[in-house]
Amino acid sequence: MQLPEDQLRAGHIPADLYRQIPPGTDVRRVVIVQEAPRSYTGPIVLTLVITAGSVAVLLVIAFVTQVIAASLISVLSATCGISYTISRTSKKRKKNALAHGSK
């Protein structure tokens, strides 16, 4: 019985609490109420929800930016003749093609 909680469960009254009991009080009728241990579930869940929400917002911003950029390129190519192409040829294929003399 090293911890105060163990003493309280065993029915012992620690000295510091015993001094706070008014004189003439029947010690057998004293009830000591302990504070419930703190629960960390709420703060952990709140942190996870904030993190997931932040990731979702960033993904939406990235998607909207991509759509705006694509529409801007299409408008510019239709009006000004500017075009943007994506080359899917890998660097390895280009090196092999140049080494064999083909283009």
Protein backbone atom coordinates (compact mmCIF):
# COMPACT_ATOMS: atom_id res chain seq x y z
CA MET A 1 0.00 0.00 0.00
CA GLN A 2 2.37 2.66 -1.24
CA LEU A 3 -0.06 4.88 -3.14
CA PRO A 4 -2.78 7.01 -1.49
CA GLU A 5 -5.36 5.35 -3.76
CA ASP A 6 -4.43 1.97 -2.31
CA GLN A 7 -4.79 3.33 1.21
CA LEU A 8 -8.22 4.79 0.44
CA ARG A 9 -9.42 1.52 -1.13
CA ALA A 10 -8.28 -0.35 1.97
CA GLY A 11 -10.27 2.02 4.19
CA HIS A 12 -7.31 3.90 5.67
CA ILE A 13 -7.46 7.66 5.98
CA PRO A 14 -4.17 9.36 5.10
CA ALA A 15 -2.74 11.73 7.71
CA ASP A 16 -3.24 14.88 5.66
CA LEU A 17 -6.96 14.09 5.19
CA TYR A 18 -7.29 12.99 8.82
CA ARG A 19 -6.13 16.45 9.98
CA GLN A 20 -8.89 18.10 7.88
CA ILE A 21 -11.68 16.16 9.60
CA PRO A 22 -13.37 18.33 12.26
CA PRO A 23 -12.92 17.15 15.84
CA GLY A 24 -15.72 14.99 17.17
CA THR A 25 -16.51 13.43 13.78
CA ASP A 26 -17.05 9.66 13.72
CA VAL A 27 -14.22 8.48 11.45
CA ARG A 28 -16.13 5.27 10.62
CA ARG A 29 -18.78 7.35 8.87
CA VAL A 30 -16.41 9.46 6.80
CA VAL A 31 -16.65 8.87 3.07
CA ILE A 32 -13.75 10.00 0.89
CA VAL A 33 -14.68 10.70 -2.72
CA GLN A 34 -11.93 10.45 -5.30
CA GLU A 35 -11.78 12.41 -8.52
CA ALA A 36 -12.19 10.27 -11.62
CA PRO A 37 -9.04 9.75 -13.67
CA ARG A 38 -8.71 12.02 -16.70
CA SER A 39 -9.80 10.59 -20.03
CA TYR A 40 -7.63 11.43 -23.04
CA THR A 41 -10.05 10.03 -25.63
CA GLY A 42 -11.65 13.39 -26.43
CA PRO A 43 -8.44 15.34 -27.14
CA ILE A 44 -7.01 12.46 -29.21
CA VAL A 45 -10.17 12.16 -31.34
CA LEU A 46 -10.27 15.95 -31.76
CA THR A 47 -6.65 15.96 -32.98
CA LEU A 48 -7.38 13.18 -35.48
CA VAL A 49 -10.48 14.96 -36.79
CA ILE A 50 -8.57 18.23 -37.23
CA THR A 51 -5.74 16.43 -39.04
CA ALA A 52 -8.13 14.56 -41.36
CA GLY A 53 -10.04 17.77 -42.07
CA SER A 54 -6.85 19.64 -42.91
CA VAL A 55 -5.77 16.89 -45.31
CA ALA A 56 -9.19 16.91 -46.97
CA VAL A 57 -9.08 20.70 -47.40
CA LEU A 58 -5.59 20.51 -48.94
CA LEU A 59 -6.73 17.80 -51.36
CA VAL A 60 -9.72 19.87 -52.44
CA ILE A 61 -7.48 22.93 -52.95
CA ALA A 62 -5.07 20.84 -55.06
CA PHE A 63 -7.92 19.47 -57.18
CA VAL A 64 -9.48 22.90 -57.73
CA THR A 65 -6.07 24.34 -58.67
CA GLN A 66 -5.57 21.54 -61.18
CA VAL A 67 -8.99 22.15 -62.75
CA ILE A 68 -8.39 25.91 -62.94
CA ALA A 69 -4.97 25.38 -64.55
CA ALA A 70 -6.39 22.93 -67.12
CA SER A 71 -9.24 25.26 -68.02
CA LEU A 72 -6.84 28.21 -68.26
CA ILE A 73 -4.61 26.27 -70.66
CA SER A 74 -7.59 25.25 -72.78
CA VAL A 75 -8.86 28.84 -72.95
CA LEU A 76 -5.42 30.17 -73.87
CA SER A 77 -4.90 27.51 -76.52
CA ALA A 78 -8.31 28.28 -78.05
CA THR A 79 -7.86 32.04 -78.08
CA CYS A 80 -4.14 32.74 -78.45
CA GLY A 81 -2.85 29.61 -80.10
CA ILE A 82 -0.76 28.64 -77.04
CA SER A 83 -0.59 24.92 -76.45
CA TYR A 84 0.73 22.76 -73.67
CA THR A 85 1.62 19.12 -74.24
CA ILE A 86 2.64 16.45 -71.82
CA SER A 87 5.32 14.10 -73.13
CA ARG A 88 4.96 10.58 -71.81
CA THR A 89 8.21 9.31 -73.31
CA SER A 90 10.55 8.09 -70.62
CA LYS A 91 14.16 9.23 -70.45
CA LYS A 92 15.36 5.66 -70.92
CA ARG A 93 13.52 5.34 -74.28
CA LYS A 94 14.98 8.63 -75.47
CA LYS A 95 18.53 7.50 -74.65
CA ASN A 96 18.02 4.16 -76.44
CA ALA A 97 16.53 5.89 -79.47
CA LEU A 98 19.45 8.30 -79.71
CA ALA A 99 21.99 5.50 -79.26
CA HIS A 100 20.49 3.46 -82.16
CA GLY A 101 20.28 6.46 -84.46
CA SER A 102 16.52 6.68 -84.67
CA LYS A 103 14.48 9.62 -83.59
